[in-house]
Amino acid sequence: MKKEDYLKMLDSLLDDYDAFYISNKYCGDNLKGNTHEYEFSNLYQLFDNNLVGNKAINWILHCYDCYYKEEVKEDKDSAFAYLRNEIEKMFP
């Protein structure tokens, strides 16, 4: 996959993901039935050996609600900002 693919996945999560939606809340780390199973699976695979990256993905999976996306977009210390910066470094 290319850098743009991973960035689109992040944007999809930022714009549409709701950790508290019933199927997302109860799927847990299994991801089966999650509305964004594809995005999470690929991001976990990309950040396999990155502890902070995995924690950022876990925060999105379990805590993020797209209702707050405007606030999160502006936060330079958010999980999304961290993941975006790491992806930019991986794919120069």
N, C-alpha and C. Protein backbone atom coordinates (compact mmCIF):
# COMPACT_ATOMS: atom_id res chain seq x y z
N MET A 1 0.82 -1.19 0.00
CA MET A 1 0.00 0.00 0.00
C MET A 1 0.87 1.25 0.00
N LYS A 2 0.29 2.33 -0.45
CA LYS A 2 1.01 3.59 -0.53
C LYS A 2 0.64 4.49 0.66
N LYS A 3 1.45 5.50 0.85
CA LYS A 3 1.22 6.47 1.93
C LYS A 3 -0.19 7.04 1.84
N GLU A 4 -0.63 7.38 0.66
CA GLU A 4 -1.95 7.98 0.48
C GLU A 4 -3.07 7.06 0.96
N ASP A 5 -2.89 5.76 0.79
CA ASP A 5 -3.89 4.79 1.24
C ASP A 5 -4.04 4.84 2.76
N TYR A 6 -2.92 4.88 3.44
CA TYR A 6 -2.95 4.92 4.91
C TYR A 6 -3.51 6.25 5.42
N LEU A 7 -3.17 7.33 4.73
CA LEU A 7 -3.70 8.63 5.14
C LEU A 7 -5.21 8.70 4.91
N LYS A 8 -5.69 8.08 3.84
CA LYS A 8 -7.14 8.01 3.60
C LYS A 8 -7.84 7.21 4.69
N MET A 9 -7.19 6.16 5.16
CA MET A 9 -7.76 5.37 6.25
C MET A 9 -7.89 6.22 7.51
N LEU A 10 -6.87 6.98 7.81
CA LEU A 10 -6.93 7.87 8.97
C LEU A 10 -8.05 8.89 8.81
N ASP A 11 -8.17 9.46 7.62
CA ASP A 11 -9.23 10.44 7.37
C ASP A 11 -10.60 9.81 7.51
N SER A 12 -10.75 8.58 7.07
CA SER A 12 -12.02 7.88 7.20
C SER A 12 -12.39 7.69 8.68
N LEU A 13 -11.41 7.32 9.49
CA LEU A 13 -11.66 7.18 10.92
C LEU A 13 -11.99 8.52 11.55
N LEU A 14 -11.24 9.54 11.19
CA LEU A 14 -11.47 10.88 11.74
C LEU A 14 -12.88 11.38 11.40
N ASP A 15 -13.30 11.17 10.18
CA ASP A 15 -14.59 11.70 9.71
C ASP A 15 -15.80 10.88 10.13
N ASP A 16 -15.64 9.56 10.27
CA ASP A 16 -16.82 8.70 10.42
C ASP A 16 -16.84 7.75 11.60
N TYR A 17 -15.74 7.59 12.32
CA TYR A 17 -15.70 6.53 13.33
C TYR A 17 -16.34 6.96 14.64
N ASP A 18 -17.07 6.04 15.23
CA ASP A 18 -17.71 6.24 16.53
C ASP A 18 -17.47 5.00 17.38
N ALA A 19 -16.59 5.12 18.37
CA ALA A 19 -16.25 3.99 19.23
C ALA A 19 -17.44 3.53 20.06
N PHE A 20 -18.44 4.39 20.21
CA PHE A 20 -19.56 4.07 21.08
C PHE A 20 -20.77 3.53 20.33
N TYR A 21 -20.65 3.43 19.01
CA TYR A 21 -21.67 2.78 18.20
C TYR A 21 -21.71 1.32 18.64
N ILE A 22 -22.87 0.76 18.79
CA ILE A 22 -23.04 -0.55 19.45
C ILE A 22 -22.14 -1.64 18.87
N SER A 23 -22.06 -1.74 17.54
CA SER A 23 -21.22 -2.82 16.97
C SER A 23 -19.74 -2.56 17.20
N ASN A 24 -19.34 -1.30 17.29
CA ASN A 24 -17.94 -0.98 17.56
C ASN A 24 -17.60 -1.15 19.03
N LYS A 25 -18.51 -0.78 19.87
CA LYS A 25 -18.26 -0.84 21.31
C LYS A 25 -18.07 -2.28 21.79
N TYR A 26 -18.82 -3.20 21.23
CA TYR A 26 -18.78 -4.57 21.73
C TYR A 26 -17.97 -5.54 20.89
N CYS A 27 -17.33 -5.06 19.82
CA CYS A 27 -16.49 -5.96 19.04
C CYS A 27 -15.12 -6.12 19.70
N GLY A 28 -14.74 -5.14 20.52
CA GLY A 28 -13.46 -5.22 21.22
C GLY A 28 -12.29 -5.20 20.25
N ASP A 29 -11.21 -5.86 20.65
CA ASP A 29 -10.00 -5.88 19.83
C ASP A 29 -10.08 -6.88 18.69
N ASN A 30 -11.13 -7.69 18.67
CA ASN A 30 -11.32 -8.68 17.62
C ASN A 30 -11.55 -8.01 16.27
N LEU A 31 -12.21 -6.88 16.25
CA LEU A 31 -12.53 -6.08 15.07
C LEU A 31 -13.62 -6.66 14.18
N LYS A 32 -14.02 -7.89 14.36
CA LYS A 32 -15.09 -8.46 13.54
C LYS A 32 -16.38 -7.70 13.85
N GLY A 33 -17.00 -7.18 12.81
CA GLY A 33 -18.23 -6.42 12.97
C GLY A 33 -18.01 -4.94 13.19
N ASN A 34 -16.76 -4.51 13.30
CA ASN A 34 -16.47 -3.09 13.46
C ASN A 34 -16.74 -2.38 12.14
N THR A 35 -17.29 -1.18 12.22
CA THR A 35 -17.62 -0.43 11.01
C THR A 35 -16.39 -0.07 10.19
N HIS A 36 -15.22 -0.06 10.82
CA HIS A 36 -13.98 0.29 10.13
C HIS A 36 -12.92 -0.81 10.33
N GLU A 37 -13.36 -2.02 10.22
CA GLU A 37 -12.47 -3.18 10.39
C GLU A 37 -11.27 -3.11 9.44
N TYR A 38 -11.50 -2.77 8.19
CA TYR A 38 -10.43 -2.71 7.19
C TYR A 38 -9.36 -1.70 7.59
N GLU A 39 -9.79 -0.51 7.97
CA GLU A 39 -8.85 0.55 8.34
C GLU A 39 -8.02 0.16 9.55
N PHE A 40 -8.70 -0.32 10.60
CA PHE A 40 -7.97 -0.70 11.81
C PHE A 40 -7.01 -1.85 11.56
N SER A 41 -7.44 -2.85 10.82
CA SER A 41 -6.58 -4.00 10.54
C SER A 41 -5.30 -3.57 9.82
N ASN A 42 -5.45 -2.72 8.84
CA ASN A 42 -4.27 -2.27 8.08
C ASN A 42 -3.37 -1.36 8.91
N LEU A 43 -3.95 -0.51 9.73
CA LEU A 43 -3.13 0.37 10.57
C LEU A 43 -2.40 -0.44 11.64
N TYR A 44 -3.08 -1.41 12.24
CA TYR A 44 -2.40 -2.28 13.22
C TYR A 44 -1.24 -3.02 12.57
N GLN A 45 -1.43 -3.47 11.35
CA GLN A 45 -0.37 -4.17 10.64
C GLN A 45 0.81 -3.23 10.35
N LEU A 46 0.51 -2.02 9.94
CA LEU A 46 1.57 -1.05 9.64
C LEU A 46 2.36 -0.68 10.89
N PHE A 47 1.69 -0.54 12.03
CA PHE A 47 2.32 -0.12 13.28
C PHE A 47 2.61 -1.30 14.20
N ASP A 48 2.79 -2.45 13.62
CA ASP A 48 2.98 -3.69 14.38
C ASP A 48 4.06 -3.58 15.45
N ASN A 49 5.18 -2.98 15.15
CA ASN A 49 6.30 -2.91 16.10
C ASN A 49 6.45 -1.53 16.73
N ASN A 50 5.40 -0.75 16.75
CA ASN A 50 5.44 0.61 17.28
C ASN A 50 4.47 0.70 18.45
N LEU A 51 4.99 0.68 19.67
CA LEU A 51 4.15 0.67 20.86
C LEU A 51 3.26 1.90 20.95
N VAL A 52 3.82 3.08 20.72
CA VAL A 52 3.03 4.31 20.80
C VAL A 52 1.99 4.34 19.68
N GLY A 53 2.37 3.89 18.50
CA GLY A 53 1.42 3.81 17.39
C GLY A 53 0.25 2.90 17.72
N ASN A 54 0.53 1.76 18.33
CA ASN A 54 -0.54 0.85 18.72
C ASN A 54 -1.44 1.46 19.78
N LYS A 55 -0.86 2.20 20.70
CA LYS A 55 -1.66 2.87 21.73
C LYS A 55 -2.54 3.95 21.11
N ALA A 56 -2.03 4.65 20.12
CA ALA A 56 -2.82 5.67 19.43
C ALA A 56 -4.00 5.03 18.69
N ILE A 57 -3.74 3.92 18.02
CA ILE A 57 -4.81 3.20 17.32
C ILE A 57 -5.83 2.68 18.33
N ASN A 58 -5.36 2.14 19.45
CA ASN A 58 -6.27 1.65 20.48
C ASN A 58 -7.15 2.77 21.03
N TRP A 59 -6.58 3.96 21.21
CA TRP A 59 -7.38 5.08 21.70
C TRP A 59 -8.50 5.40 20.72
N ILE A 60 -8.17 5.44 19.43
CA ILE A 60 -9.19 5.70 18.42
C ILE A 60 -10.26 4.60 18.47
N LEU A 61 -9.82 3.36 18.50
CA LEU A 61 -10.74 2.22 18.50
C LEU A 61 -11.71 2.25 19.68
N HIS A 62 -11.21 2.59 20.86
CA HIS A 62 -12.03 2.48 22.07
C HIS A 62 -12.61 3.79 22.58
N CYS A 63 -12.08 4.93 22.14
CA CYS A 63 -12.49 6.20 22.76
C CYS A 63 -12.95 7.29 21.80
N TYR A 64 -12.63 7.20 20.54
CA TYR A 64 -12.88 8.32 19.62
C TYR A 64 -14.32 8.34 19.11
N ASP A 65 -14.86 9.54 19.03
CA ASP A 65 -16.19 9.77 18.46
C ASP A 65 -16.06 10.90 17.45
N CYS A 66 -16.46 10.66 16.21
CA CYS A 66 -16.30 11.65 15.16
C CYS A 66 -17.07 12.94 15.42
N TYR A 67 -17.94 12.94 16.40
CA TYR A 67 -18.65 14.15 16.79
C TYR A 67 -17.64 15.24 17.16
N TYR A 68 -16.48 14.84 17.66
CA TYR A 68 -15.45 15.78 18.10
C TYR A 68 -14.34 16.00 17.06
N LYS A 69 -14.60 15.66 15.81
CA LYS A 69 -13.54 15.68 14.81
C LYS A 69 -12.93 17.07 14.61
N GLU A 70 -13.71 18.12 14.70
CA GLU A 70 -13.15 19.46 14.49
C GLU A 70 -12.14 19.80 15.58
N GLU A 71 -12.42 19.41 16.81
CA GLU A 71 -11.48 19.64 17.91
C GLU A 71 -10.22 18.80 17.72
N VAL A 72 -10.40 17.56 17.32
CA VAL A 72 -9.27 16.65 17.14
C VAL A 72 -8.41 17.08 15.97
N LYS A 73 -9.01 17.58 14.90
CA LYS A 73 -8.26 18.05 13.73
C LYS A 73 -7.26 19.13 14.11
N GLU A 74 -7.65 19.99 15.04
CA GLU A 74 -6.81 21.11 15.44
C GLU A 74 -5.76 20.74 16.49
N ASP A 75 -5.90 19.58 17.10
CA ASP A 75 -5.00 19.16 18.17
C ASP A 75 -3.74 18.52 17.58
N LYS A 76 -2.63 19.20 17.72
CA LYS A 76 -1.36 18.70 17.17
C LYS A 76 -0.78 17.55 17.98
N ASP A 77 -1.36 17.27 19.14
CA ASP A 77 -0.90 16.18 19.99
C ASP A 77 -1.88 15.00 20.01
N SER A 78 -2.81 14.97 19.09
CA SER A 78 -3.81 13.90 19.07
C SER A 78 -3.22 12.60 18.53
N ALA A 79 -3.94 11.53 18.75
CA ALA A 79 -3.56 10.22 18.21
C ALA A 79 -3.49 10.29 16.68
N PHE A 80 -4.42 11.01 16.09
CA PHE A 80 -4.43 11.14 14.63
C PHE A 80 -3.19 11.88 14.13
N ALA A 81 -2.82 12.95 14.81
CA ALA A 81 -1.64 13.71 14.41
C ALA A 81 -0.39 12.85 14.53
N TYR A 82 -0.30 12.08 15.61
CA TYR A 82 0.86 11.20 15.78
C TYR A 82 0.94 10.19 14.64
N LEU A 83 -0.16 9.51 14.37
CA LEU A 83 -0.16 8.48 13.33
C LEU A 83 0.14 9.10 11.96
N ARG A 84 -0.44 10.25 11.69
CA ARG A 84 -0.18 10.92 10.41
C ARG A 84 1.31 11.25 10.25
N ASN A 85 1.92 11.78 11.29
CA ASN A 85 3.34 12.12 11.25
C ASN A 85 4.21 10.88 11.06
N GLU A 86 3.86 9.80 11.72
CA GLU A 86 4.62 8.56 11.58
C GLU A 86 4.48 7.98 10.17
N ILE A 87 3.30 8.04 9.61
CA ILE A 87 3.10 7.56 8.23
C ILE A 87 3.92 8.40 7.26
N GLU A 88 3.92 9.70 7.48
CA GLU A 88 4.72 10.58 6.61
C GLU A 88 6.21 10.21 6.69
N LYS A 89 6.70 9.83 7.86
CA LYS A 89 8.10 9.43 8.02
C LYS A 89 8.39 8.08 7.35
N MET A 90 7.44 7.18 7.40
CA MET A 90 7.63 5.83 6.83
C MET A 90 7.70 5.84 5.32
N PHE A 91 6.96 6.77 4.72
CA PHE A 91 6.86 6.84 3.26
C PHE A 91 7.32 8.21 2.79
N PRO A 92 8.64 8.41 2.70
CA PRO A 92 9.15 9.74 2.31
C PRO A 92 8.78 10.12 0.89
